[in-house]
C-alpha cells in the first residue's frame, strides 16, 4: 500500500512542480512520477539533515514540491547549460 501511495503522491507532486516551473521537458507520466518521488525524498533528506524532521519522518507536501522544483531546476541547468548572454 505504501508503494501505491508514493506513486500517487509522486505523480501529483511532480505535476505541480512542472506546472509551477513550465518548460520543454521530455518524459511523460513516468518521469513526472519519478520527479515527484525524488523531490519528496530530497526534501525529507534535507529536512532530516537540518533537524526539521525526525529520523524516518517524511517531508510535508509543500516541502516535497520544493524538492521536486529543485531537482527540475538542476536537471534543466545540466541539460541546457548556463544561460547565454548576447
PDB file of N, CA and C in Angstrom:
ATOM      1  N   UNK A   1       0.822  -1.191   0.000  1.00  0.00           N
ATOM      2  CA  UNK A   1       0.000   0.000   0.000  1.00  0.00           C
ATOM      3  C   UNK A   1       0.869   1.260   0.000  1.00  0.00           C
ATOM      4  N   UNK A   2       2.023   1.184   0.675  1.00  0.00           N
ATOM      5  CA  UNK A   2       2.915   2.338   0.740  1.00  0.00           C
ATOM      6  C   UNK A   2       3.423   2.711  -0.652  1.00  0.00           C
ATOM      7  N   UNK A   3       3.757   1.705  -1.459  1.00  0.00           N
ATOM      8  CA  UNK A   3       4.271   1.969  -2.799  1.00  0.00           C
ATOM      9  C   UNK A   3       3.212   2.662  -3.655  1.00  0.00           C
ATOM     10  N   UNK A   4       1.984   2.202  -3.561  1.00  0.00           N
ATOM     11  CA  UNK A   4       0.895   2.828  -4.320  1.00  0.00           C
ATOM     12  C   UNK A   4       0.706   4.273  -3.894  1.00  0.00           C
ATOM     13  N   UNK A   5       0.741   4.530  -2.592  1.00  0.00           N
ATOM     14  CA  UNK A   5       0.604   5.899  -2.081  1.00  0.00           C
ATOM     15  C   UNK A   5       1.761   6.774  -2.560  1.00  0.00           C
ATOM     16  N   UNK A   6       2.986   6.241  -2.571  1.00  0.00           N
ATOM     17  CA  UNK A   6       4.148   7.007  -3.032  1.00  0.00           C
ATOM     18  C   UNK A   6       4.018   7.343  -4.513  1.00  0.00           C
ATOM     19  N   UNK A   7       3.497   6.416  -5.312  1.00  0.00           N
ATOM     20  CA  UNK A   7       3.334   6.661  -6.743  1.00  0.00           C
ATOM     21  C   UNK A   7       2.277   7.742  -6.984  1.00  0.00           C
ATOM     22  N   UNK A   8       1.165   7.652  -6.279  1.00  0.00           N
ATOM     23  CA  UNK A   8       0.094   8.631  -6.463  1.00  0.00           C
ATOM     24  C   UNK A   8       0.538  10.017  -6.024  1.00  0.00           C
ATOM     25  N   UNK A   9       1.130  10.121  -4.842  1.00  0.00           N
ATOM     26  CA  UNK A   9       1.581  11.433  -4.387  1.00  0.00           C
ATOM     27  C   UNK A   9       2.736  11.943  -5.241  1.00  0.00           C
ATOM     28  N   UNK A  10       3.600  11.040  -5.713  1.00  0.00           N
ATOM     29  CA  UNK A  10       4.688  11.446  -6.598  1.00  0.00           C
ATOM     30  C   UNK A  10       4.175  12.037  -7.892  1.00  0.00           C
ATOM     31  N   UNK A  11       3.108  11.447  -8.424  1.00  0.00           N
ATOM     32  CA  UNK A  11       2.513  11.975  -9.650  1.00  0.00           C
ATOM     33  C   UNK A  11       1.939  13.366  -9.420  1.00  0.00           C
ATOM     34  N   UNK A  12       1.258  13.552  -8.309  1.00  0.00           N
ATOM     35  CA  UNK A  12       0.669  14.858  -8.005  1.00  0.00           C
ATOM     36  C   UNK A  12       1.757  15.900  -7.768  1.00  0.00           C
ATOM     37  N   UNK A  13       2.756  15.547  -6.985  1.00  0.00           N
ATOM     38  CA  UNK A  13       3.838  16.482  -6.676  1.00  0.00           C
ATOM     39  C   UNK A  13       4.630  16.825  -7.933  1.00  0.00           C
ATOM     40  N   UNK A  14       4.958  15.835  -8.750  1.00  0.00           N
ATOM     41  CA  UNK A  14       5.685  16.083  -9.989  1.00  0.00           C
ATOM     42  C   UNK A  14       4.901  16.953 -10.958  1.00  0.00           C
ATOM     43  N   UNK A  15       3.586  16.701 -11.048  1.00  0.00           N
ATOM     44  CA  UNK A  15       2.747  17.512 -11.933  1.00  0.00           C
ATOM     45  C   UNK A  15       2.683  18.959 -11.458  1.00  0.00           C
ATOM     46  N   UNK A  16       2.575  19.153 -10.145  1.00  0.00           N
ATOM     47  CA  UNK A  16       2.542  20.520  -9.614  1.00  0.00           C
ATOM     48  C   UNK A  16       3.879  21.226  -9.823  1.00  0.00           C
ATOM     49  N   UNK A  17       4.993  20.493  -9.664  1.00  0.00           N
ATOM     50  CA  UNK A  17       6.310  21.101  -9.897  1.00  0.00           C
ATOM     51  C   UNK A  17       6.458  21.534 -11.349  1.00  0.00           C
ATOM     52  N   UNK A  18       5.991  20.682 -12.281  1.00  0.00           N
ATOM     53  CA  UNK A  18       6.064  21.058 -13.697  1.00  0.00           C
ATOM     54  C   UNK A  18       5.100  22.188 -14.027  1.00  0.00           C
ATOM     55  N   UNK A  19       3.988  22.268 -13.305  1.00  0.00           N
ATOM     56  CA  UNK A  19       3.036  23.355 -13.512  1.00  0.00           C
ATOM     57  C   UNK A  19       3.612  24.679 -13.020  1.00  0.00           C
ATOM     58  N   UNK A  20       4.286  24.647 -11.879  1.00  0.00           N
ATOM     59  CA  UNK A  20       4.891  25.850 -11.308  1.00  0.00           C
ATOM     60  C   UNK A  20       6.083  26.305 -12.144  1.00  0.00           C
ATOM     61  N   UNK A  21       6.815  25.354 -12.697  1.00  0.00           N
ATOM     62  CA  UNK A  21       8.030  25.647 -13.457  1.00  0.00           C
ATOM     63  C   UNK A  21       7.882  25.077 -14.870  1.00  0.00           C
ATOM     64  N   UNK A  22       7.073  25.715 -15.716  1.00  0.00           N
ATOM     65  CA  UNK A  22       6.818  25.153 -17.044  1.00  0.00           C
ATOM     66  C   UNK A  22       8.041  25.251 -17.950  1.00  0.00           C
ATOM     67  N   UNK A  23       8.054  24.393 -18.922  1.00  0.00           N
ATOM     68  CA  UNK A  23       9.141  24.407 -19.885  1.00  0.00           C
ATOM     69  C   UNK A  23       9.137  23.134 -20.694  1.00  0.00           C
ATOM     70  N   UNK A  24       9.975  23.068 -21.705  1.00  0.00           N
ATOM     71  CA  UNK A  24      10.019  21.887 -22.576  1.00  0.00           C
ATOM     72  C   UNK A  24      10.813  20.755 -21.922  1.00  0.00           C
ATOM     73  N   UNK A  25      10.142  19.925 -21.165  1.00  0.00           N
ATOM     74  CA  UNK A  25      10.810  18.798 -20.512  1.00  0.00           C
ATOM     75  C   UNK A  25      10.384  17.502 -21.181  1.00  0.00           C
ATOM     76  N   UNK A  26      11.352  16.631 -21.442  1.00  0.00           N
ATOM     77  CA  UNK A  26      10.993  15.344 -22.025  1.00  0.00           C
ATOM     78  C   UNK A  26      10.372  14.439 -20.964  1.00  0.00           C
ATOM     79  N   UNK A  27       9.706  13.442 -21.396  1.00  0.00           N
ATOM     80  CA  UNK A  27       9.152  12.466 -20.468  1.00  0.00           C
ATOM     81  C   UNK A  27       7.677  12.679 -20.249  1.00  0.00           C
ATOM     82  N   UNK A  28       7.040  11.602 -19.952  1.00  0.00           N
ATOM     83  CA  UNK A  28       5.609  11.643 -19.723  1.00  0.00           C
ATOM     84  C   UNK A  28       5.273  11.413 -18.268  1.00  0.00           C
ATOM     85  N   UNK A  29       4.286  10.575 -18.052  1.00  0.00           N
ATOM     86  CA  UNK A  29       3.761  10.366 -16.713  1.00  0.00           C
ATOM     87  C   UNK A  29       4.773   9.666 -15.801  1.00  0.00           C
ATOM     88  N   UNK A  30       5.582   8.780 -16.347  1.00  0.00           N
ATOM     89  CA  UNK A  30       6.561   8.057 -15.537  1.00  0.00           C
ATOM     90  C   UNK A  30       7.629   9.011 -15.017  1.00  0.00           C
ATOM     91  N   UNK A  31       8.140   9.871 -15.888  1.00  0.00           N
ATOM     92  CA  UNK A  31       9.158  10.843 -15.483  1.00  0.00           C
ATOM     93  C   UNK A  31       8.576  11.824 -14.468  1.00  0.00           C
ATOM     94  N   UNK A  32       7.321  12.209 -14.649  1.00  0.00           N
ATOM     95  CA  UNK A  32       6.671  13.113 -13.703  1.00  0.00           C
ATOM     96  C   UNK A  32       6.546  12.456 -12.333  1.00  0.00           C
ATOM     97  N   UNK A  33       6.178  11.178 -12.301  1.00  0.00           N
ATOM     98  CA  UNK A  33       6.087  10.452 -11.027  1.00  0.00           C
ATOM     99  C   UNK A  33       7.452  10.352 -10.355  1.00  0.00           C
ATOM    100  N   UNK A  34       8.460  10.009 -11.140  1.00  0.00           N
ATOM    101  CA  UNK A  34       9.804   9.887 -10.569  1.00  0.00           C
ATOM    102  C   UNK A  34      10.313  11.224 -10.047  1.00  0.00           C
ATOM    103  N   UNK A  35       9.982  12.300 -10.747  1.00  0.00           N
ATOM    104  CA  UNK A  35      10.359  13.634 -10.300  1.00  0.00           C
ATOM    105  C   UNK A  35       9.716  13.949  -8.950  1.00  0.00           C
ATOM    106  N   UNK A  36       8.435  13.651  -8.814  1.00  0.00           N
ATOM    107  CA  UNK A  36       7.742  13.903  -7.559  1.00  0.00           C
ATOM    108  C   UNK A  36       8.260  13.055  -6.414  1.00  0.00           C
ATOM    109  N   UNK A  37       8.507  11.779  -6.672  1.00  0.00           N
ATOM    110  CA  UNK A  37       9.025  10.891  -5.632  1.00  0.00           C
ATOM    111  C   UNK A  37      10.427  11.327  -5.220  1.00  0.00           C
ATOM    112  N   UNK A  38      11.269  11.649  -6.200  1.00  0.00           N
ATOM    113  CA  UNK A  38      12.626  12.111  -5.887  1.00  0.00           C
ATOM    114  C   UNK A  38      12.599  13.431  -5.125  1.00  0.00           C
ATOM    115  N   UNK A  39      11.666  14.312  -5.466  1.00  0.00           N
ATOM    116  CA  UNK A  39      11.535  15.574  -4.738  1.00  0.00           C
ATOM    117  C   UNK A  39      11.145  15.355  -3.283  1.00  0.00           C
ATOM    118  N   UNK A  40      10.263  14.407  -3.040  1.00  0.00           N
ATOM    119  CA  UNK A  40       9.868  14.098  -1.663  1.00  0.00           C
ATOM    120  C   UNK A  40      11.027  13.490  -0.884  1.00  0.00           C
ATOM    121  N   UNK A  41      11.782  12.617  -1.538  1.00  0.00           N
ATOM    122  CA  UNK A  41      12.940  12.006  -0.872  1.00  0.00           C
ATOM    123  C   UNK A  41      13.994  13.066  -0.571  1.00  0.00           C
ATOM    124  N   UNK A  42      14.255  13.946  -1.525  1.00  0.00           N
ATOM    125  CA  UNK A  42      15.240  15.016  -1.315  1.00  0.00           C
ATOM    126  C   UNK A  42      14.807  15.947  -0.191  1.00  0.00           C
ATOM    127  N   UNK A  43      13.546  16.337  -0.175  1.00  0.00           N
ATOM    128  CA  UNK A  43      13.048  17.228   0.875  1.00  0.00           C
ATOM    129  C   UNK A  43      13.122  16.556   2.244  1.00  0.00           C
ATOM    130  N   UNK A  44      12.817  15.263   2.302  1.00  0.00           N
ATOM    131  CA  UNK A  44      12.918  14.531   3.573  1.00  0.00           C
ATOM    132  C   UNK A  44      14.358  14.463   4.046  1.00  0.00           C
ATOM    133  N   UNK A  45      15.272  14.181   3.119  1.00  0.00           N
ATOM    134  CA  UNK A  45      16.681  14.069   3.489  1.00  0.00           C
ATOM    135  C   UNK A  45      17.231  15.407   3.982  1.00  0.00           C
ATOM    136  N   UNK A  46      16.915  16.494   3.268  1.00  0.00           N
ATOM    137  CA  UNK A  46      17.388  17.816   3.683  1.00  0.00           C
ATOM    138  C   UNK A  46      16.776  18.179   5.040  1.00  0.00           C
ATOM    139  N   UNK A  47      15.480  17.934   5.204  1.00  0.00           N
ATOM    140  CA  UNK A  47      14.812  18.245   6.470  1.00  0.00           C
ATOM    141  C   UNK A  47      15.374  17.470   7.641  1.00  0.00           C
ATOM    142  N   UNK A  48      15.696  16.189   7.423  1.00  0.00           N
ATOM    143  CA  UNK A  48      16.284  15.390   8.497  1.00  0.00           C
ATOM    144  C   UNK A  48      17.706  15.846   8.797  1.00  0.00           C
ATOM    145  N   UNK A  49      18.447  16.247   7.767  1.00  0.00           N
ATOM    146  CA  UNK A  49      19.816  16.735   7.971  1.00  0.00           C
ATOM    147  C   UNK A  49      19.840  18.040   8.756  1.00  0.00           C
ATOM    148  N   UNK A  50      18.834  18.884   8.540  1.00  0.00           N
ATOM    149  CA  UNK A  50      18.766  20.170   9.234  1.00  0.00           C
ATOM    150  C   UNK A  50      18.047  20.080  10.578  1.00  0.00           C
ATOM    151  N   UNK A  51      17.514  18.906  10.892  1.00  0.00           N
ATOM    152  CA  UNK A  51      16.838  18.718  12.172  1.00  0.00           C
ATOM    153  C   UNK A  51      15.376  19.141  12.164  1.00  0.00           C
ATOM    154  N   UNK A  52      14.806  19.370  10.988  1.00  0.00           N
ATOM    155  CA  UNK A  52      13.402  19.770  10.896  1.00  0.00           C
ATOM    156  C   UNK A  52      12.481  18.574  11.092  1.00  0.00           C
ATOM    157  N   UNK A  53      12.951  17.387  10.663  1.00  0.00           N
ATOM    158  CA  UNK A  53      12.174  16.165  10.771  1.00  0.00           C
ATOM    159  C   UNK A  53      12.950  15.142  11.586  1.00  0.00           C
ATOM    160  N   UNK A  54      12.222  14.271  12.251  1.00  0.00           N
ATOM    161  CA  UNK A  54      12.851  13.175  12.979  1.00  0.00           C
ATOM    162  C   UNK A  54      13.262  12.089  11.987  1.00  0.00           C
ATOM    163  N   UNK A  55      14.127  11.208  12.429  1.00  0.00           N
ATOM    164  CA  UNK A  55      14.553  10.087  11.582  1.00  0.00           C
ATOM    165  C   UNK A  55      13.331   9.232  11.242  1.00  0.00           C
ATOM    166  N   UNK A  56      13.149   8.960   9.950  1.00  0.00           N
ATOM    167  CA  UNK A  56      12.020   8.166   9.497  1.00  0.00           C
ATOM    168  C   UNK A  56      10.775   8.982   9.178  1.00  0.00           C
ATOM    169  N   UNK A  57      10.780  10.258   9.502  1.00  0.00           N
ATOM    170  CA  UNK A  57       9.634  11.123   9.218  1.00  0.00           C
ATOM    171  C   UNK A  57       9.795  11.710   7.819  1.00  0.00           C
ATOM    172  N   UNK A  58       8.717  11.735   7.053  1.00  0.00           N
ATOM    173  CA  UNK A  58       8.811  12.246   5.690  1.00  0.00           C
ATOM    174  C   UNK A  58       8.478  13.735   5.648  1.00  0.00           C
ATOM    175  N   UNK A  59       8.858  14.344   4.552  1.00  0.00           N
ATOM    176  CA  UNK A  59       8.620  15.774   4.370  1.00  0.00           C
ATOM    177  C   UNK A  59       7.149  16.023   4.090  1.00  0.00           C
ATOM    178  N   UNK A  60       6.736  17.238   4.293  1.00  0.00           N
ATOM    179  CA  UNK A  60       5.366  17.617   4.008  1.00  0.00           C
ATOM    180  C   UNK A  60       5.144  17.843   2.520  1.00  0.00           C
ATOM    181  N   UNK A  61       3.918  18.157   2.177  1.00  0.00           N
ATOM    182  CA  UNK A  61       3.525  18.304   0.777  1.00  0.00           C
ATOM    183  C   UNK A  61       4.250  19.469   0.117  1.00  0.00           C
ATOM    184  N   UNK A  62       4.292  20.612   0.776  1.00  0.00           N
ATOM    185  CA  UNK A  62       4.931  21.801   0.190  1.00  0.00           C
ATOM    186  C   UNK A  62       6.431  21.603   0.071  1.00  0.00           C
ATOM    187  N   UNK A  63       7.049  21.012   1.089  1.00  0.00           N
ATOM    188  CA  UNK A  63       8.484  20.751   1.021  1.00  0.00           C
ATOM    189  C   UNK A  63       8.804  19.769  -0.095  1.00  0.00           C
ATOM    190  N   UNK A  64       7.936  18.802  -0.334  1.00  0.00           N
ATOM    191  CA  UNK A  64       8.144  17.852  -1.427  1.00  0.00           C
ATOM    192  C   UNK A  64       8.054  18.534  -2.778  1.00  0.00           C
ATOM    193  N   UNK A  65       7.121  19.458  -2.924  1.00  0.00           N
ATOM    194  CA  UNK A  65       7.024  20.217  -4.175  1.00  0.00           C
ATOM    195  C   UNK A  65       8.288  21.050  -4.383  1.00  0.00           C
ATOM    196  N   UNK A  66       8.779  21.686  -3.318  1.00  0.00           N
ATOM    197  CA  UNK A  66      10.012  22.468  -3.430  1.00  0.00           C
ATOM    198  C   UNK A  66      11.197  21.576  -3.793  1.00  0.00           C
ATOM    199  N   UNK A  67      11.246  20.377  -3.236  1.00  0.00           N
ATOM    200  CA  UNK A  67      12.296  19.429  -3.594  1.00  0.00           C
ATOM    201  C   UNK A  67      12.226  19.030  -5.057  1.00  0.00           C
ATOM    202  N   UNK A  68      11.010  18.802  -5.560  1.00  0.00           N
ATOM    203  CA  UNK A  68      10.841  18.451  -6.968  1.00  0.00           C
ATOM    204  C   UNK A  68      11.230  19.617  -7.873  1.00  0.00           C
ATOM    205  N   UNK A  69      10.905  20.828  -7.479  1.00  0.00           N
ATOM    206  CA  UNK A  69      11.293  22.009  -8.258  1.00  0.00           C
ATOM    207  C   UNK A  69      12.816  22.140  -8.281  1.00  0.00           C
ATOM    208  N   UNK A  70      13.466  21.876  -7.157  1.00  0.00           N
ATOM    209  CA  UNK A  70      14.920  21.939  -7.092  1.00  0.00           C
ATOM    210  C   UNK A  70      15.546  20.909  -8.030  1.00  0.00           C
ATOM    211  N   UNK A  71      15.020  19.693  -8.029  1.00  0.00           N
ATOM    212  CA  UNK A  71      15.545  18.662  -8.928  1.00  0.00           C
ATOM    213  C   UNK A  71      15.304  19.044 -10.383  1.00  0.00           C
ATOM    214  N   UNK A  72      14.141  19.584 -10.692  1.00  0.00           N
ATOM    215  CA  UNK A  72      13.834  20.014 -12.053  1.00  0.00           C
ATOM    216  C   UNK A  72      14.763  21.144 -12.499  1.00  0.00           C
ATOM    217  N   UNK A  73      15.052  22.075 -11.604  1.00  0.00           N
ATOM    218  CA  UNK A  73      15.961  23.180 -11.932  1.00  0.00           C
ATOM    219  C   UNK A  73      17.381  22.668 -12.180  1.00  0.00           C
ATOM    220  N   UNK A  74      17.838  21.738 -11.358  1.00  0.00           N
ATOM    221  CA  UNK A  74      19.178  21.172 -11.548  1.00  0.00           C
ATOM    222  C   UNK A  74      19.241  20.404 -12.861  1.00  0.00           C
ATOM    223  N   UNK A  75      18.200  19.637 -13.168  1.00  0.00           N
ATOM    224  CA  UNK A  75      18.149  18.901 -14.435  1.00  0.00           C
ATOM    225  C   UNK A  75      18.231  19.858 -15.619  1.00  0.00           C
ATOM    226  N   UNK A  76      17.457  20.914 -15.570  1.00  0.00           N
ATOM    227  CA  UNK A  76      17.462  21.878 -16.678  1.00  0.00           C
ATOM    228  C   UNK A  76      18.803  22.580 -16.794  1.00  0.00           C
ATOM    229  N   UNK A  77      19.447  22.858 -15.672  1.00  0.00           N
ATOM    230  CA  UNK A  77      20.732  23.536 -15.700  1.00  0.00           C
ATOM    231  C   UNK A  77      21.784  22.669 -16.400  1.00  0.00           C
ATOM    232  N   UNK A  78      21.797  21.368 -16.094  1.00  0.00           N
ATOM    233  CA  UNK A  78      22.784  20.494 -16.713  1.00  0.00           C
ATOM    234  C   UNK A  78      22.408  20.120 -18.142  1.00  0.00           C
ATOM    235  N   UNK A  79      21.129  20.101 -18.443  1.00  0.00           N
ATOM    236  CA  UNK A  79      20.685  19.741 -19.780  1.00  0.00           C
ATOM    237  C   UNK A  79      20.923  20.875 -20.769  1.00  0.00           C
ATOM    238  N   UNK A  80      20.592  22.081 -20.373  1.00  0.00           N
ATOM    239  CA  UNK A  80      20.698  23.222 -21.272  1.00  0.00           C
ATOM    240  C   UNK A  80      21.992  24.011 -21.102  1.00  0.00           C
ATOM    241  N   UNK A  81      22.689  23.823 -20.021  1.00  0.00           N
ATOM    242  CA  UNK A  81      23.904  24.579 -19.777  1.00  0.00           C
ATOM    243  C   UNK A  81      23.584  25.936 -19.165  1.00  0.00           C
ATOM    244  N   UNK A  82      24.582  26.740 -18.908  1.00  0.00           N
ATOM    245  CA  UNK A  82      24.350  28.056 -18.311  1.00  0.00           C
ATOM    246  C   UNK A  82      23.652  28.980 -19.292  1.00  0.00           C
ATOM    247  N   UNK A  83      22.939  29.976 -18.771  1.00  0.00           N
ATOM    248  CA  UNK A  83      22.261  30.916 -19.679  1.00  0.00           C
ATOM    249  C   UNK A  83      23.275  31.673 -20.533  1.00  0.00           C
ATOM    250  N   UNK A  84      22.916  31.884 -21.781  1.00  0.00           N
ATOM    251  CA  UNK A  84      23.812  32.593 -22.701  1.00  0.00           C
ATOM    252  C   UNK A  84      23.466  34.069 -22.759  1.00  0.00           C
ATOM    253  N   UNK A  85      24.486  34.889 -22.802  1.00  0.00           N
ATOM    254  CA  UNK A  85      24.252  36.332 -22.948  1.00  0.00           C
ATOM    255  C   UNK A  85      24.677  36.724 -24.361  1.00  0.00           C
ATOM    256  N   UNK A  86      24.012  37.695 -24.889  1.00  0.00           N
ATOM    257  CA  UNK A  86      24.316  38.132 -26.256  1.00  0.00           C
ATOM    258  C   UNK A  86      25.120  39.391 -26.215  1.00  0.00           C
TER     259      UNK A  86
END
